[in-house]
Every structure is written in C-alpha cells, then in structure tokens.
Amino acid sequence: MNAILVTGGAGFIGSNFIRLIISETDLSVINLDALTYAGNLENLKDLESNPRYRFVQGRIEDSALVEGLMKEVDACVHFAAESHV
C-alpha cells in the first residue's frame, strides 16, 4: 500500500504535514477533512493533480467512511479537531 490517511489535512498543521510527506517520501496521502471553519483546500491547491494525493470530504465520526479508507492505508495521522471545543 504505502499510503497514509491524514485527518484534518486541510487545516494549517495538516496541510503542511501533507506537503512534507509528498515532498520527502514516496507515500501516497488520503486527506480526510470536513472543511469546517478551519479547513481550506486552497492550502493544498497545488497538489490537486498529484497522483499521490487524494482528498475526501467527510467527518471522522462517519465510521463506515473511515473504516473504508483505513483499508486503503498503512497508517493514520490524526489532525482533525475543533479548536473551540
């Protein structure tokens, strides 16, 4: 597989982590983000056409979605959060 799931990847920390992984490794990245107030796909616009990057809009509470995505990856890095909670 050689892929990772990044939750909250459209936020500041997650998007910079994804950039690092894409530029410094051969891993593929699936970015799962709900695109709430903290997520912005403009942070990753230049990766849209990269074959090693895939965006999925969804929530980490969606167990069926997360279970399906976990079957495609070797690891998960969790950045999804609500800062006002």
PDB file of N, CA and C in Angstrom:
ATOM      1  N   MET A   1       0.810  -1.195   0.000  1.00  0.00           N
ATOM      2  CA  MET A   1       0.000   0.000   0.000  1.00  0.00           C
ATOM      3  C   MET A   1       0.855   1.260   0.000  1.00  0.00           C
ATOM      4  N   ASN A   2       1.647   1.452   1.022  1.00  0.00           N
ATOM      5  CA  ASN A   2       2.495   2.637   1.122  1.00  0.00           C
ATOM      6  C   ASN A   2       1.701   3.928   1.052  1.00  0.00           C
ATOM      7  N   ALA A   3       0.630   3.968   1.842  1.00  0.00           N
ATOM      8  CA  ALA A   3      -0.229   5.148   1.876  1.00  0.00           C
ATOM      9  C   ALA A   3      -0.605   5.458   3.316  1.00  0.00           C
ATOM     10  N   ILE A   4      -0.899   6.743   3.566  1.00  0.00           N
ATOM     11  CA  ILE A   4      -1.362   7.150   4.884  1.00  0.00           C
ATOM     12  C   ILE A   4      -2.648   7.954   4.738  1.00  0.00           C
ATOM     13  N   LEU A   5      -3.462   7.885   5.776  1.00  0.00           N
ATOM     14  CA  LEU A   5      -4.655   8.704   5.891  1.00  0.00           C
ATOM     15  C   LEU A   5      -4.318   9.850   6.826  1.00  0.00           C
ATOM     16  N   VAL A   6      -4.606  11.066   6.402  1.00  0.00           N
ATOM     17  CA  VAL A   6      -4.410  12.236   7.251  1.00  0.00           C
ATOM     18  C   VAL A   6      -5.781  12.844   7.502  1.00  0.00           C
ATOM     19  N   THR A   7      -6.201  12.890   8.770  1.00  0.00           N
ATOM     20  CA  THR A   7      -7.463  13.545   9.092  1.00  0.00           C
ATOM     21  C   THR A   7      -7.172  15.006   9.407  1.00  0.00           C
ATOM     22  N   GLY A   8      -8.060  15.884   8.965  1.00  0.00           N
ATOM     23  CA  GLY A   8      -7.834  17.310   9.187  1.00  0.00           C
ATOM     24  C   GLY A   8      -6.728  17.871   8.324  1.00  0.00           C
ATOM     25  N   GLY A   9      -6.525  17.279   7.173  1.00  0.00           N
ATOM     26  CA  GLY A   9      -5.412  17.672   6.316  1.00  0.00           C
ATOM     27  C   GLY A   9      -5.569  19.001   5.608  1.00  0.00           C
ATOM     28  N   ALA A  10      -6.749  19.610   5.660  1.00  0.00           N
ATOM     29  CA  ALA A  10      -6.931  20.913   5.018  1.00  0.00           C
ATOM     30  C   ALA A  10      -6.669  22.066   5.977  1.00  0.00           C
ATOM     31  N   GLY A  11      -6.387  21.759   7.227  1.00  0.00           N
ATOM     32  CA  GLY A  11      -6.040  22.792   8.198  1.00  0.00           C
ATOM     33  C   GLY A  11      -4.573  23.176   8.082  1.00  0.00           C
ATOM     34  N   PHE A  12      -4.152  24.126   8.891  1.00  0.00           N
ATOM     35  CA  PHE A  12      -2.784  24.646   8.807  1.00  0.00           C
ATOM     36  C   PHE A  12      -1.738  23.557   9.058  1.00  0.00           C
ATOM     37  N   ILE A  13      -1.846  22.859  10.167  1.00  0.00           N
ATOM     38  CA  ILE A  13      -0.842  21.841  10.505  1.00  0.00           C
ATOM     39  C   ILE A  13      -0.944  20.652   9.556  1.00  0.00           C
ATOM     40  N   GLY A  14      -2.155  20.172   9.320  1.00  0.00           N
ATOM     41  CA  GLY A  14      -2.342  19.018   8.444  1.00  0.00           C
ATOM     42  C   GLY A  14      -1.852  19.255   7.033  1.00  0.00           C
ATOM     43  N   SER A  15      -2.132  20.428   6.480  1.00  0.00           N
ATOM     44  CA  SER A  15      -1.707  20.708   5.105  1.00  0.00           C
ATOM     45  C   SER A  15      -0.191  20.794   4.994  1.00  0.00           C
ATOM     46  N   ASN A  16       0.456  21.353   5.988  1.00  0.00           N
ATOM     47  CA  ASN A  16       1.919  21.397   5.963  1.00  0.00           C
ATOM     48  C   ASN A  16       2.517  20.007   6.137  1.00  0.00           C
ATOM     49  N   PHE A  17       1.879  19.168   6.951  1.00  0.00           N
ATOM     50  CA  PHE A  17       2.330  17.785   7.095  1.00  0.00           C
ATOM     51  C   PHE A  17       2.196  17.039   5.770  1.00  0.00           C
ATOM     52  N   ILE A  18       1.073  17.205   5.088  1.00  0.00           N
ATOM     53  CA  ILE A  18       0.873  16.546   3.793  1.00  0.00           C
ATOM     54  C   ILE A  18       1.932  16.991   2.799  1.00  0.00           C
ATOM     55  N   ARG A  19       2.217  18.279   2.753  1.00  0.00           N
ATOM     56  CA  ARG A  19       3.274  18.776   1.854  1.00  0.00           C
ATOM     57  C   ARG A  19       4.610  18.102   2.149  1.00  0.00           C
ATOM     58  N   LEU A  20       4.933  17.960   3.423  1.00  0.00           N
ATOM     59  CA  LEU A  20       6.188  17.315   3.818  1.00  0.00           C
ATOM     60  C   LEU A  20       6.215  15.862   3.355  1.00  0.00           C
ATOM     61  N   ILE A  21       5.143  15.132   3.586  1.00  0.00           N
ATOM     62  CA  ILE A  21       5.082  13.719   3.193  1.00  0.00           C
ATOM     63  C   ILE A  21       5.217  13.569   1.684  1.00  0.00           C
ATOM     64  N   ILE A  22       4.498  14.383   0.922  1.00  0.00           N
ATOM     65  CA  ILE A  22       4.555  14.296  -0.540  1.00  0.00           C
ATOM     66  C   ILE A  22       5.948  14.660  -1.053  1.00  0.00           C
ATOM     67  N   SER A  23       6.576  15.661  -0.460  1.00  0.00           N
ATOM     68  CA  SER A  23       7.879  16.110  -0.977  1.00  0.00           C
ATOM     69  C   SER A  23       9.055  15.268  -0.494  1.00  0.00           C
ATOM     70  N   GLU A  24       8.940  14.634   0.667  1.00  0.00           N
ATOM     71  CA  GLU A  24      10.092  13.951   1.262  1.00  0.00           C
ATOM     72  C   GLU A  24      10.000  12.427   1.252  1.00  0.00           C
ATOM     73  N   THR A  25       8.860  11.868   0.841  1.00  0.00           N
ATOM     74  CA  THR A  25       8.706  10.409   0.837  1.00  0.00           C
ATOM     75  C   THR A  25       8.061   9.965  -0.473  1.00  0.00           C
ATOM     76  N   ASP A  26       7.902   8.664  -0.610  1.00  0.00           N
ATOM     77  CA  ASP A  26       7.189   8.099  -1.758  1.00  0.00           C
ATOM     78  C   ASP A  26       5.767   7.687  -1.385  1.00  0.00           C
ATOM     79  N   LEU A  27       5.324   8.045  -0.195  1.00  0.00           N
ATOM     80  CA  LEU A  27       3.997   7.658   0.271  1.00  0.00           C
ATOM     81  C   LEU A  27       2.896   8.399  -0.475  1.00  0.00           C
ATOM     82  N   SER A  28       1.760   7.737  -0.593  1.00  0.00           N
ATOM     83  CA  SER A  28       0.545   8.394  -1.068  1.00  0.00           C
ATOM     84  C   SER A  28      -0.235   8.871   0.149  1.00  0.00           C
ATOM     85  N   VAL A  29      -1.036   9.917  -0.042  1.00  0.00           N
ATOM     86  CA  VAL A  29      -1.783  10.517   1.059  1.00  0.00           C
ATOM     87  C   VAL A  29      -3.259  10.622   0.690  1.00  0.00           C
ATOM     88  N   ILE A  30      -4.106  10.146   1.599  1.00  0.00           N
ATOM     89  CA  ILE A  30      -5.539  10.414   1.516  1.00  0.00           C
ATOM     90  C   ILE A  30      -5.844  11.437   2.600  1.00  0.00           C
ATOM     91  N   ASN A  31      -6.396  12.559   2.207  1.00  0.00           N
ATOM     92  CA  ASN A  31      -6.710  13.654   3.113  1.00  0.00           C
ATOM     93  C   ASN A  31      -8.208  13.641   3.398  1.00  0.00           C
ATOM     94  N   LEU A  32      -8.586  13.324   4.630  1.00  0.00           N
ATOM     95  CA  LEU A  32      -9.989  13.337   5.049  1.00  0.00           C
ATOM     96  C   LEU A  32     -10.239  14.592   5.864  1.00  0.00           C
ATOM     97  N   ASP A  33     -11.112  15.459   5.365  1.00  0.00           N
ATOM     98  CA  ASP A  33     -11.390  16.711   6.068  1.00  0.00           C
ATOM     99  C   ASP A  33     -12.855  17.078   5.876  1.00  0.00           C
ATOM    100  N   ALA A  34     -13.473  17.615   6.925  1.00  0.00           N
ATOM    101  CA  ALA A  34     -14.872  18.032   6.869  1.00  0.00           C
ATOM    102  C   ALA A  34     -15.026  19.425   6.267  1.00  0.00           C
ATOM    103  N   LEU A  35     -13.925  20.133   6.123  1.00  0.00           N
ATOM    104  CA  LEU A  35     -13.927  21.504   5.598  1.00  0.00           C
ATOM    105  C   LEU A  35     -14.841  22.417   6.409  1.00  0.00           C
ATOM    106  N   THR A  36     -14.650  22.396   7.716  1.00  0.00           N
ATOM    107  CA  THR A  36     -15.350  23.347   8.576  1.00  0.00           C
ATOM    108  C   THR A  36     -14.577  24.661   8.542  1.00  0.00           C
ATOM    109  N   TYR A  37     -14.775  25.514   9.525  1.00  0.00           N
ATOM    110  CA  TYR A  37     -14.136  26.833   9.544  1.00  0.00           C
ATOM    111  C   TYR A  37     -12.604  26.776   9.461  1.00  0.00           C
ATOM    112  N   ALA A  38     -11.990  25.696   9.923  1.00  0.00           N
ATOM    113  CA  ALA A  38     -10.526  25.623   9.977  1.00  0.00           C
ATOM    114  C   ALA A  38      -9.898  25.016   8.725  1.00  0.00           C
ATOM    115  N   GLY A  39     -10.686  24.335   7.916  1.00  0.00           N
ATOM    116  CA  GLY A  39     -10.147  23.675   6.731  1.00  0.00           C
ATOM    117  C   GLY A  39     -10.277  24.537   5.491  1.00  0.00           C
ATOM    118  N   ASN A  40      -9.240  24.544   4.685  1.00  0.00           N
ATOM    119  CA  ASN A  40      -9.243  25.346   3.466  1.00  0.00           C
ATOM    120  C   ASN A  40      -8.462  24.602   2.392  1.00  0.00           C
ATOM    121  N   LEU A  41      -9.148  24.166   1.353  1.00  0.00           N
ATOM    122  CA  LEU A  41      -8.477  23.417   0.284  1.00  0.00           C
ATOM    123  C   LEU A  41      -7.497  24.269  -0.512  1.00  0.00           C
ATOM    124  N   GLU A  42      -7.579  25.579  -0.392  1.00  0.00           N
ATOM    125  CA  GLU A  42      -6.590  26.442  -1.051  1.00  0.00           C
ATOM    126  C   GLU A  42      -5.190  26.123  -0.532  1.00  0.00           C
ATOM    127  N   ASN A  43      -5.098  25.631   0.708  1.00  0.00           N
ATOM    128  CA  ASN A  43      -3.801  25.264   1.288  1.00  0.00           C
ATOM    129  C   ASN A  43      -3.104  24.170   0.486  1.00  0.00           C
ATOM    130  N   LEU A  44      -3.879  23.378  -0.268  1.00  0.00           N
ATOM    131  CA  LEU A  44      -3.323  22.230  -0.987  1.00  0.00           C
ATOM    132  C   LEU A  44      -3.638  22.267  -2.482  1.00  0.00           C
ATOM    133  N   LYS A  45      -4.021  23.417  -2.985  1.00  0.00           N
ATOM    134  CA  LYS A  45      -4.445  23.539  -4.380  1.00  0.00           C
ATOM    135  C   LYS A  45      -3.395  23.004  -5.350  1.00  0.00           C
ATOM    136  N   ASP A  46      -2.133  23.242  -5.064  1.00  0.00           N
ATOM    137  CA  ASP A  46      -1.068  22.800  -5.970  1.00  0.00           C
ATOM    138  C   ASP A  46      -0.876  21.283  -5.977  1.00  0.00           C
ATOM    139  N   LEU A  47      -1.501  20.567  -5.050  1.00  0.00           N
ATOM    140  CA  LEU A  47      -1.382  19.103  -5.014  1.00  0.00           C
ATOM    141  C   LEU A  47      -2.556  18.400  -5.687  1.00  0.00           C
ATOM    142  N   GLU A  48      -3.563  19.148  -6.123  1.00  0.00           N
ATOM    143  CA  GLU A  48      -4.773  18.543  -6.696  1.00  0.00           C
ATOM    144  C   GLU A  48      -4.479  17.555  -7.818  1.00  0.00           C
ATOM    145  N   SER A  49      -3.503  17.849  -8.637  1.00  0.00           N
ATOM    146  CA  SER A  49      -3.211  16.975  -9.781  1.00  0.00           C
ATOM    147  C   SER A  49      -2.136  15.931  -9.475  1.00  0.00           C
ATOM    148  N   ASN A  50      -1.632  15.919  -8.257  1.00  0.00           N
ATOM    149  CA  ASN A  50      -0.603  14.949  -7.878  1.00  0.00           C
ATOM    150  C   ASN A  50      -1.250  13.568  -7.722  1.00  0.00           C
ATOM    151  N   PRO A  51      -0.771  12.561  -8.442  1.00  0.00           N
ATOM    152  CA  PRO A  51      -1.387  11.230  -8.362  1.00  0.00           C
ATOM    153  C   PRO A  51      -1.234  10.564  -6.992  1.00  0.00           C
ATOM    154  N   ARG A  52      -0.357  11.079  -6.150  1.00  0.00           N
ATOM    155  CA  ARG A  52      -0.154  10.505  -4.816  1.00  0.00           C
ATOM    156  C   ARG A  52      -1.011  11.194  -3.754  1.00  0.00           C
ATOM    157  N   TYR A  53      -1.844  12.136  -4.171  1.00  0.00           N
ATOM    158  CA  TYR A  53      -2.691  12.882  -3.234  1.00  0.00           C
ATOM    159  C   TYR A  53      -4.159  12.723  -3.604  1.00  0.00           C
ATOM    160  N   ARG A  54      -4.985  12.457  -2.594  1.00  0.00           N
ATOM    161  CA  ARG A  54      -6.432  12.356  -2.815  1.00  0.00           C
ATOM    162  C   ARG A  54      -7.173  13.020  -1.664  1.00  0.00           C
ATOM    163  N   PHE A  55      -8.151  13.841  -1.993  1.00  0.00           N
ATOM    164  CA  PHE A  55      -8.977  14.497  -0.983  1.00  0.00           C
ATOM    165  C   PHE A  55     -10.330  13.811  -0.883  1.00  0.00           C
ATOM    166  N   VAL A  56     -10.774  13.594   0.360  1.00  0.00           N
ATOM    167  CA  VAL A  56     -12.105  13.051   0.625  1.00  0.00           C
ATOM    168  C   VAL A  56     -12.774  13.980   1.631  1.00  0.00           C
ATOM    169  N   GLN A  57     -13.916  14.554   1.244  1.00  0.00           N
ATOM    170  CA  GLN A  57     -14.643  15.383   2.198  1.00  0.00           C
ATOM    171  C   GLN A  57     -15.535  14.494   3.041  1.00  0.00           C
ATOM    172  N   GLY A  58     -15.357  14.583   4.354  1.00  0.00           N
ATOM    173  CA  GLY A  58     -16.148  13.770   5.263  1.00  0.00           C
ATOM    174  C   GLY A  58     -15.727  14.017   6.695  1.00  0.00           C
ATOM    175  N   ARG A  59     -16.434  13.372   7.596  1.00  0.00           N
ATOM    176  CA  ARG A  59     -16.191  13.570   9.024  1.00  0.00           C
ATOM    177  C   ARG A  59     -15.629  12.291   9.651  1.00  0.00           C
ATOM    178  N   ILE A  60     -14.784  12.467  10.646  1.00  0.00           N
ATOM    179  CA  ILE A  60     -14.197  11.307  11.315  1.00  0.00           C
ATOM    180  C   ILE A  60     -15.241  10.523  12.105  1.00  0.00           C
ATOM    181  N   GLU A  61     -16.394  11.123  12.375  1.00  0.00           N
ATOM    182  CA  GLU A  61     -17.473  10.409  13.067  1.00  0.00           C
ATOM    183  C   GLU A  61     -18.181   9.407  12.156  1.00  0.00           C
ATOM    184  N   ASP A  62     -17.945   9.494  10.875  1.00  0.00           N
ATOM    185  CA  ASP A  62     -18.564   8.585   9.901  1.00  0.00           C
ATOM    186  C   ASP A  62     -17.758   7.287   9.883  1.00  0.00           C
ATOM    187  N   SER A  63     -18.153   6.350  10.734  1.00  0.00           N
ATOM    188  CA  SER A  63     -17.352   5.133  10.910  1.00  0.00           C
ATOM    189  C   SER A  63     -17.248   4.307   9.633  1.00  0.00           C
ATOM    190  N   ALA A  64     -18.302   4.252   8.838  1.00  0.00           N
ATOM    191  CA  ALA A  64     -18.240   3.480   7.590  1.00  0.00           C
ATOM    192  C   ALA A  64     -17.222   4.090   6.634  1.00  0.00           C
ATOM    193  N   LEU A  65     -17.206   5.402   6.539  1.00  0.00           N
ATOM    194  CA  LEU A  65     -16.238   6.080   5.677  1.00  0.00           C
ATOM    195  C   LEU A  65     -14.815   5.826   6.156  1.00  0.00           C
ATOM    196  N   VAL A  66     -14.580   6.023   7.442  1.00  0.00           N
ATOM    197  CA  VAL A  66     -13.228   5.851   7.990  1.00  0.00           C
ATOM    198  C   VAL A  66     -12.775   4.398   7.864  1.00  0.00           C
ATOM    199  N   GLU A  67     -13.651   3.451   8.146  1.00  0.00           N
ATOM    200  CA  GLU A  67     -13.285   2.034   8.005  1.00  0.00           C
ATOM    201  C   GLU A  67     -12.900   1.711   6.570  1.00  0.00           C
ATOM    202  N   GLY A  68     -13.642   2.235   5.620  1.00  0.00           N
ATOM    203  CA  GLY A  68     -13.316   2.009   4.212  1.00  0.00           C
ATOM    204  C   GLY A  68     -11.977   2.602   3.831  1.00  0.00           C
ATOM    205  N   LEU A  69     -11.718   3.810   4.295  1.00  0.00           N
ATOM    206  CA  LEU A  69     -10.440   4.455   3.979  1.00  0.00           C
ATOM    207  C   LEU A  69      -9.272   3.733   4.645  1.00  0.00           C
ATOM    208  N   MET A  70      -9.486   3.226   5.859  1.00  0.00           N
ATOM    209  CA  MET A  70      -8.414   2.528   6.567  1.00  0.00           C
ATOM    210  C   MET A  70      -7.983   1.255   5.850  1.00  0.00           C
ATOM    211  N   LYS A  71      -8.848   0.696   5.024  1.00  0.00           N
ATOM    212  CA  LYS A  71      -8.490  -0.491   4.247  1.00  0.00           C
ATOM    213  C   LYS A  71      -7.522  -0.154   3.119  1.00  0.00           C
ATOM    214  N   GLU A  72      -7.386   1.131   2.814  1.00  0.00           N
ATOM    215  CA  GLU A  72      -6.528   1.570   1.717  1.00  0.00           C
ATOM    216  C   GLU A  72      -5.165   2.080   2.177  1.00  0.00           C
ATOM    217  N   VAL A  73      -4.951   2.161   3.490  1.00  0.00           N
ATOM    218  CA  VAL A  73      -3.729   2.785   4.001  1.00  0.00           C
ATOM    219  C   VAL A  73      -3.018   1.892   5.006  1.00  0.00           C
ATOM    220  N   ASP A  74      -1.775   2.266   5.282  1.00  0.00           N
ATOM    221  CA  ASP A  74      -0.969   1.554   6.271  1.00  0.00           C
ATOM    222  C   ASP A  74      -1.001   2.227   7.636  1.00  0.00           C
ATOM    223  N   ALA A  75      -1.315   3.522   7.658  1.00  0.00           N
ATOM    224  CA  ALA A  75      -1.282   4.281   8.907  1.00  0.00           C
ATOM    225  C   ALA A  75      -2.209   5.482   8.803  1.00  0.00           C
ATOM    226  N   CYS A  76      -2.547   6.024   9.970  1.00  0.00           N
ATOM    227  CA  CYS A  76      -3.384   7.222  10.038  1.00  0.00           C
ATOM    228  C   CYS A  76      -2.704   8.249  10.937  1.00  0.00           C
ATOM    229  N   VAL A  77      -2.659   9.484  10.468  1.00  0.00           N
ATOM    230  CA  VAL A  77      -2.150  10.596  11.271  1.00  0.00           C
ATOM    231  C   VAL A  77      -3.337  11.530  11.500  1.00  0.00           C
ATOM    232  N   HIS A  78      -3.616  11.814  12.762  1.00  0.00           N
ATOM    233  CA  HIS A  78      -4.854  12.499  13.134  1.00  0.00           C
ATOM    234  C   HIS A  78      -4.591  13.954  13.517  1.00  0.00           C
ATOM    235  N   PHE A  79      -5.098  14.873  12.688  1.00  0.00           N
ATOM    236  CA  PHE A  79      -5.033  16.302  12.984  1.00  0.00           C
ATOM    237  C   PHE A  79      -6.424  16.916  13.101  1.00  0.00           C
ATOM    238  N   ALA A  80      -7.483  16.176  12.781  1.00  0.00           N
ATOM    239  CA  ALA A  80      -8.836  16.734  12.810  1.00  0.00           C
ATOM    240  C   ALA A  80      -9.197  17.151  14.232  1.00  0.00           C
ATOM    241  N   ALA A  81      -9.693  18.381  14.354  1.00  0.00           N
ATOM    242  CA  ALA A  81     -10.059  18.898  15.672  1.00  0.00           C
ATOM    243  C   ALA A  81     -10.941  20.129  15.513  1.00  0.00           C
ATOM    244  N   GLU A  82     -11.653  20.432  16.550  1.00  0.00           N
ATOM    245  CA  GLU A  82     -12.411  21.677  16.637  1.00  0.00           C
ATOM    246  C   GLU A  82     -11.748  22.491  17.744  1.00  0.00           C
ATOM    247  N   SER A  83     -11.130  23.581  17.399  1.00  0.00           N
ATOM    248  CA  SER A  83     -10.339  24.334  18.378  1.00  0.00           C
ATOM    249  C   SER A  83     -11.193  25.010  19.442  1.00  0.00           C
ATOM    250  N   HIS A  84     -12.456  25.215  19.180  1.00  0.00           N
ATOM    251  CA  HIS A  84     -13.316  25.901  20.144  1.00  0.00           C
ATOM    252  C   HIS A  84     -13.997  24.955  21.131  1.00  0.00           C
ATOM    253  N   VAL A  85     -13.697  23.679  21.061  1.00  0.00           N
ATOM    254  CA  VAL A  85     -14.345  22.704  21.944  1.00  0.00           C
ATOM    255  C   VAL A  85     -13.602  22.620  23.257  1.00  0.00           C
TER     256      VAL A  85
END
